[in-house]
């Protein structure tokens, strides 16, 4: 059987719950399953550790992305100070606007106790990425929405917050140079960006002027149940893998099992593990989630095929002895 990996090519629909939510967990389990079968020497214990590490680093990226907003603002403040020093030395009496550097939303984000503690614990910093921070700042300054913001007669906290929502959505989340920075930091991060960007934007929207430094950020997990869901989904997918693949082979039509895209098999194997072991999750939800993953990670035709096979399995699953 040929192993292959299709790069990210589609946006995946993200449900807004907690940072490491079940959508992200499903993605990570599929990734780790693929890596597990590809590396014949990898043990399940090591694979489980890698899964947990991958999920933890997704949360690191969330905080690192929030910290980028602070880093860009700090860079803007330094540039402003340098320009003011030059003007003083040249005896130029030209007042410079501090509006962007003093953005009130960023002040609230900077003071957030959870972000400060996480950054300190994980030693996260943009200090070594000044060229990238500079490049983003320059893109911001050249944008029309920045100019409109700076030309306003006055601004409110809501204006300050909206500016950063637009900056993040239109510049940072679409910046390919950001991918290069992340790749140097962690092999896991680039695939996490679509999910993480969604939660960064949600955080920007929810922080308020009067909420103070104790406003909660997005939690890593909703509860212990979601934390266990990740580990158990992976374990069931491995433990009953042969049975699940046999079920797939019995439910495909006009197609030989060995001709299926290997990623499709992995996706359906994990989906069946969810069918069988998490009855509180509606089957329709499970099918939709894994069809989205197929759009993201497999061949152009995979999503329709995975949808059809999983629908057949869902209708017949109780007929088989597993």
Protein backbone atom coordinates (compact mmCIF):
# COMPACT_ATOMS: atom_id res chain seq x y z
CA UNK A 1 0.00 0.00 0.00
CA UNK A 2 1.35 3.42 -0.95
CA UNK A 3 1.66 6.03 1.78
CA UNK A 4 1.15 9.64 0.84
CA UNK A 5 0.17 12.90 2.42
CA UNK A 6 -1.84 15.63 0.79
CA UNK A 7 -0.95 19.16 2.00
CA UNK A 8 -3.56 21.41 3.54
CA UNK A 9 -5.72 22.77 0.75
CA UNK A 10 -9.13 23.58 2.23
CA UNK A 11 -10.48 25.53 5.12
CA UNK A 12 -12.19 23.36 7.69
CA UNK A 13 -15.37 24.39 9.48
CA UNK A 14 -14.53 25.22 13.08
CA UNK A 15 -17.03 25.09 15.92
CA UNK A 16 -16.37 27.68 18.61
CA UNK A 17 -16.11 25.92 21.95
CA UNK A 18 -12.76 25.68 23.71
CA UNK A 19 -9.28 26.10 22.30
CA UNK A 20 -8.46 22.39 22.17
CA UNK A 21 -11.94 21.38 21.12
CA UNK A 22 -13.12 18.15 19.57
CA UNK A 23 -12.60 19.39 16.03
CA UNK A 24 -8.92 19.96 16.75
CA UNK A 25 -8.67 16.68 18.68
CA UNK A 26 -10.04 14.74 15.72
CA UNK A 27 -7.51 16.38 13.43
CA UNK A 28 -4.66 15.54 15.78
CA UNK A 29 -5.74 11.92 16.22
CA UNK A 30 -5.92 11.44 12.44
CA UNK A 31 -2.46 13.00 12.06
CA UNK A 32 -1.00 10.83 14.80
CA UNK A 33 -2.65 7.67 13.44
CA UNK A 34 -1.08 8.33 10.06
CA UNK A 35 2.34 8.87 11.64
CA UNK A 36 1.92 5.79 13.83
CA UNK A 37 1.32 3.45 10.90
CA UNK A 38 3.99 5.12 8.80
CA UNK A 39 6.66 4.57 11.50
CA UNK A 40 6.74 0.84 12.14
CA UNK A 41 9.06 1.32 15.11
CA UNK A 42 6.76 3.70 16.99
CA UNK A 43 5.04 2.30 20.07
CA UNK A 44 1.55 3.26 21.16
CA UNK A 45 3.02 4.78 24.32
CA UNK A 46 5.28 7.07 22.31
CA UNK A 47 2.46 7.91 19.92
CA UNK A 48 0.20 8.90 22.83
CA UNK A 49 2.93 11.17 24.18
CA UNK A 50 3.29 12.76 20.75
CA UNK A 51 -0.46 13.29 20.58
CA UNK A 52 -0.49 15.09 23.92
CA UNK A 53 2.55 17.15 22.97
CA UNK A 54 0.89 18.14 19.71
CA UNK A 55 -2.28 19.27 21.49
CA UNK A 56 -0.28 21.21 24.09
CA UNK A 57 1.65 23.01 21.37
CA UNK A 58 -1.59 24.04 19.72
CA UNK A 59 -2.41 25.92 22.88
CA UNK A 60 1.09 27.40 22.84
CA UNK A 61 0.39 28.74 19.36
CA UNK A 62 -2.82 30.37 20.54
CA UNK A 63 -0.95 32.30 23.24
CA UNK A 64 2.00 32.99 20.93
CA UNK A 65 -0.38 34.52 18.37
CA UNK A 66 -1.96 36.77 20.99
CA UNK A 67 1.51 37.80 22.09
CA UNK A 68 2.30 38.83 18.51
CA UNK A 69 -0.31 41.61 18.82
CA UNK A 70 1.55 42.94 21.85
CA UNK A 71 4.93 42.58 20.12
CA UNK A 72 3.79 44.58 17.09
CA UNK A 73 2.45 47.34 19.32
CA UNK A 74 5.71 47.43 21.28
CA UNK A 75 7.63 47.69 18.02
CA UNK A 76 5.41 50.59 16.95
CA UNK A 77 6.11 52.35 20.26
CA UNK A 78 9.87 51.96 19.78
CA UNK A 79 9.65 53.36 16.26
CA UNK A 80 7.69 56.31 17.58
CA UNK A 81 10.28 56.99 20.28
CA UNK A 82 13.09 56.88 17.69
CA UNK A 83 11.27 59.35 15.42
CA UNK A 84 10.66 61.69 18.35
CA UNK A 85 14.35 61.58 19.31
CA UNK A 86 15.35 62.41 15.74
CA UNK A 87 12.90 65.32 15.70
CA UNK A 88 14.19 66.65 19.01
CA UNK A 89 17.78 66.45 17.78
CA UNK A 90 16.78 68.33 14.65
CA UNK A 91 14.69 70.84 16.66
CA UNK A 92 11.57 69.81 14.76
CA UNK A 93 8.42 70.58 16.68
CA UNK A 94 6.11 68.09 14.99
CA UNK A 95 3.65 66.22 17.22
CA UNK A 96 3.37 62.52 16.38
CA UNK A 97 0.28 60.46 16.98
CA UNK A 98 0.52 57.84 19.73
CA UNK A 99 -2.89 56.40 18.86
CA UNK A 100 -1.67 53.05 17.47
CA UNK A 101 1.07 52.57 20.09
CA UNK A 102 -1.37 53.41 22.90
CA UNK A 103 -4.18 51.20 21.58
CA UNK A 104 -6.46 50.53 24.55
CA UNK A 105 -7.40 47.02 23.44
CA UNK A 106 -3.74 46.01 23.38
CA UNK A 107 -3.29 47.45 26.86
CA UNK A 108 -6.07 45.17 28.09
CA UNK A 109 -4.54 42.17 26.31
CA UNK A 110 -1.05 42.98 27.62
CA UNK A 111 -2.28 43.09 31.19
CA UNK A 112 -4.21 39.83 30.98
CA UNK A 113 -3.14 37.66 33.90
CA UNK A 114 -3.62 34.36 32.09
CA UNK A 115 -1.55 35.46 29.10
CA UNK A 116 1.19 36.86 31.34
CA UNK A 117 1.38 33.66 33.37
CA UNK A 118 1.36 31.38 30.32
CA UNK A 119 4.05 33.40 28.57
CA UNK A 120 6.21 33.25 31.69
CA UNK A 121 5.67 29.51 32.20
CA UNK A 122 6.30 28.55 28.57
CA UNK A 123 9.00 31.15 27.92
CA UNK A 124 7.20 32.44 24.83
CA UNK A 125 8.67 35.52 23.19
CA UNK A 126 8.89 37.37 19.87
CA UNK A 127 12.26 38.89 20.78
CA UNK A 128 14.11 36.78 18.21
CA UNK A 129 11.64 37.54 15.44
CA UNK A 130 12.01 41.31 15.15
CA UNK A 131 12.35 41.25 11.32
CA UNK A 132 9.00 39.50 11.05
CA UNK A 133 7.34 41.81 13.58
CA UNK A 134 8.71 44.75 11.59
CA UNK A 135 7.34 43.37 8.32
CA UNK A 136 3.84 42.96 9.76
CA UNK A 137 3.92 46.45 11.24
CA UNK A 138 4.84 47.90 7.85
CA UNK A 139 1.98 46.01 6.17
CA UNK A 140 -0.39 47.40 8.78
CA UNK A 141 0.78 50.99 8.28
CA UNK A 142 0.31 50.66 4.52
CA UNK A 143 -3.25 49.36 4.84
CA UNK A 144 -6.33 51.47 4.16
CA UNK A 145 -8.05 50.45 7.40
CA UNK A 146 -5.04 51.66 9.41
CA UNK A 147 -5.15 55.02 7.64
CA UNK A 148 -8.89 55.32 8.24
CA UNK A 149 -8.35 54.50 11.91
CA UNK A 150 -5.58 57.07 12.30
CA UNK A 151 -7.67 59.74 10.51
CA UNK A 152 -10.61 59.42 12.91
CA UNK A 153 -11.23 62.49 15.03
CA UNK A 154 -11.30 60.25 18.12
CA UNK A 155 -11.44 56.54 18.86
CA UNK A 156 -13.14 54.35 21.44
CA UNK A 157 -12.10 51.02 22.92
CA UNK A 158 -14.41 49.37 20.40
CA UNK A 159 -12.55 51.14 17.57
CA UNK A 160 -9.22 49.99 18.99
CA UNK A 161 -10.45 46.41 19.29
CA UNK A 162 -12.02 46.39 15.83
CA UNK A 163 -8.77 47.62 14.30
CA UNK A 164 -6.95 44.58 15.67
CA UNK A 165 -9.70 42.21 14.63
CA UNK A 166 -9.33 43.47 11.07
CA UNK A 167 -5.51 43.42 11.23
CA UNK A 168 -5.48 39.85 12.42
CA UNK A 169 -8.09 38.65 9.95
CA UNK A 170 -6.83 40.46 6.86
CA UNK A 171 -3.08 40.56 7.42
CA UNK A 172 -1.76 38.14 10.03
CA UNK A 173 -3.99 35.14 9.36
CA UNK A 174 -3.24 35.34 5.63
CA UNK A 175 0.47 36.05 5.93
CA UNK A 176 2.59 33.29 4.36
CA UNK A 177 5.68 34.62 6.13
CA UNK A 178 3.97 33.71 9.39
CA UNK A 179 4.05 30.07 8.24
CA UNK A 180 7.83 30.23 7.90
CA UNK A 181 8.21 31.65 11.39
CA UNK A 182 5.99 28.95 12.85
CA UNK A 183 7.78 26.17 10.99
CA UNK A 184 11.02 27.17 12.70
CA UNK A 185 9.31 27.09 16.09
CA UNK A 186 7.33 23.85 15.84
CA UNK A 187 6.55 21.21 13.23
CA UNK A 188 3.00 21.05 14.57
CA UNK A 189 2.02 24.68 14.25
CA UNK A 190 1.37 25.31 10.55
CA UNK A 191 -1.43 22.74 10.38
CA UNK A 192 -3.00 24.31 13.48
CA UNK A 193 -3.24 27.85 12.15
CA UNK A 194 -6.80 27.77 10.82
CA UNK A 195 -8.10 26.46 14.13
CA UNK A 196 -5.95 28.74 16.27
CA UNK A 197 -6.68 31.86 14.20
CA UNK A 198 -10.38 31.30 14.81
CA UNK A 199 -9.85 31.33 18.55
CA UNK A 200 -7.57 34.36 18.46
CA UNK A 201 -10.30 36.28 16.63
CA UNK A 202 -12.85 35.04 19.15
CA UNK A 203 -10.64 36.29 21.99
CA UNK A 204 -10.22 39.71 20.38
CA UNK A 205 -13.99 39.99 20.07
CA UNK A 206 -14.69 39.01 23.67
CA UNK A 207 -12.14 41.09 25.62
CA UNK A 208 -13.76 44.21 27.06
CA UNK A 209 -12.51 47.53 28.36
CA UNK A 210 -13.96 47.08 31.85
CA UNK A 211 -13.17 43.38 32.25
CA UNK A 212 -9.75 44.00 33.77
CA UNK A 213 -6.73 41.72 33.83
CA UNK A 214 -8.68 38.69 35.08
CA UNK A 215 -10.76 38.21 31.94
CA UNK A 216 -10.49 34.55 30.93
CA UNK A 217 -8.84 33.53 27.68
CA UNK A 218 -9.96 30.44 25.81
CA UNK A 219 -9.32 27.40 28.05
CA UNK A 220 -7.18 24.55 26.74
CA UNK A 221 -9.95 22.02 27.35
CA UNK A 222 -13.59 22.43 28.26
CA UNK A 223 -13.26 19.74 30.92
CA UNK A 224 -11.53 16.46 31.84
CA UNK A 225 -13.92 14.58 29.58
CA UNK A 226 -12.57 16.30 26.48
CA UNK A 227 -9.03 15.69 27.68
CA UNK A 228 -9.76 11.96 27.99
CA UNK A 229 -11.65 11.95 24.70
CA UNK A 230 -8.42 12.64 22.81
CA UNK A 231 -6.51 9.79 24.42
CA UNK A 232 -9.38 7.29 24.25
CA UNK A 233 -10.22 8.07 20.62
CA UNK A 234 -6.62 7.32 19.68
CA UNK A 235 -6.50 4.14 21.76
CA UNK A 236 -9.75 2.73 20.36
CA UNK A 237 -8.64 3.54 16.82
CA UNK A 238 -5.47 1.50 17.33
CA UNK A 239 -6.88 -1.31 19.46
CA UNK A 240 -9.71 -2.19 17.06
CA UNK A 241 -8.01 -0.99 13.89
CA UNK A 242 -8.09 -4.33 12.07
CA UNK A 243 -11.79 -4.83 12.82
CA UNK A 244 -12.64 -1.33 11.69
CA UNK A 245 -10.71 -1.79 8.44
CA UNK A 246 -12.48 -5.05 7.84
CA UNK A 247 -15.77 -3.24 8.28
CA UNK A 248 -14.68 -0.61 5.76
CA UNK A 249 -13.76 -3.30 3.23
CA UNK A 250 -17.19 -4.89 3.59
CA UNK A 251 -18.99 -1.60 3.04
CA UNK A 252 -17.20 -0.23 0.00
CA UNK A 253 -18.79 -0.69 -3.40
CA UNK A 254 -17.12 -1.13 -6.77
CA UNK A 255 -13.70 -0.43 -5.29
CA UNK A 256 -10.91 -2.60 -3.95
CA UNK A 257 -9.76 -1.85 -0.41
CA UNK A 258 -6.09 -1.67 -1.44
CA UNK A 259 -6.90 1.04 -3.96
CA UNK A 260 -8.31 3.40 -1.34
CA UNK A 261 -6.23 6.46 -0.46
CA UNK A 262 -4.44 5.54 2.74
CA UNK A 263 -5.44 8.77 4.42
CA UNK A 264 -9.08 7.95 3.67
CA UNK A 265 -8.71 4.63 5.47
CA UNK A 266 -7.20 6.37 8.50
CA UNK A 267 -9.97 8.98 8.55
CA UNK A 268 -12.71 6.34 8.35
CA UNK A 269 -10.99 4.13 10.92
CA UNK A 270 -10.99 6.97 13.46
CA UNK A 271 -14.58 7.87 12.57
CA UNK A 272 -15.71 4.29 13.25
CA UNK A 273 -13.90 4.36 16.59
CA UNK A 274 -16.00 7.41 17.42
CA UNK A 275 -19.20 5.71 16.20
CA UNK A 276 -18.61 2.70 18.39
CA UNK A 277 -17.17 4.17 21.56
CA UNK A 278 -18.73 7.61 21.98
CA UNK A 279 -22.49 7.06 21.70
CA UNK A 280 -23.20 10.50 23.18
CA UNK A 281 -21.89 12.08 19.95
CA UNK A 282 -24.56 12.04 17.22
CA UNK A 283 -23.49 9.94 14.22
CA UNK A 284 -24.40 12.80 11.88
CA UNK A 285 -21.93 15.06 13.72
CA UNK A 286 -19.19 12.43 13.48
CA UNK A 287 -19.74 11.96 9.73
CA UNK A 288 -19.70 15.71 9.06
CA UNK A 289 -16.52 16.22 11.07
CA UNK A 290 -14.55 13.48 9.30
CA UNK A 291 -15.81 14.50 5.87
CA UNK A 292 -14.37 17.96 6.61
CA UNK A 293 -11.06 16.37 7.58
CA UNK A 294 -11.06 14.44 4.29
CA UNK A 295 -11.51 17.74 2.43
CA UNK A 296 -8.53 19.13 4.29
CA UNK A 297 -6.12 16.22 4.24
CA UNK A 298 -6.89 13.85 1.40
CA UNK A 299 -7.64 13.78 -2.33
CA UNK A 300 -10.15 16.07 -4.09
CA UNK A 301 -12.71 13.26 -4.36
CA UNK A 302 -12.15 11.86 -0.90
CA UNK A 303 -14.78 13.84 1.00
CA UNK A 304 -17.67 12.54 -1.11
CA UNK A 305 -16.36 8.99 -0.97
CA UNK A 306 -15.72 9.10 2.80
CA UNK A 307 -19.18 10.55 3.30
CA UNK A 308 -20.79 7.71 1.35
CA UNK A 309 -18.86 4.93 3.07
CA UNK A 310 -19.40 6.31 6.57
CA UNK A 311 -23.10 6.76 5.87
CA UNK A 312 -23.32 3.11 4.79
CA UNK A 313 -21.42 1.97 7.88
CA UNK A 314 -23.59 4.09 10.15
CA UNK A 315 -26.74 2.42 8.78
CA UNK A 316 -25.33 -1.10 9.04
CA UNK A 317 -22.96 -0.92 11.98
CA UNK A 318 -25.19 -2.86 14.39
CA UNK A 319 -25.41 -5.78 11.93
CA UNK A 320 -21.76 -6.64 12.42
CA UNK A 321 -20.17 -8.30 15.40
CA UNK A 322 -17.22 -6.15 16.34
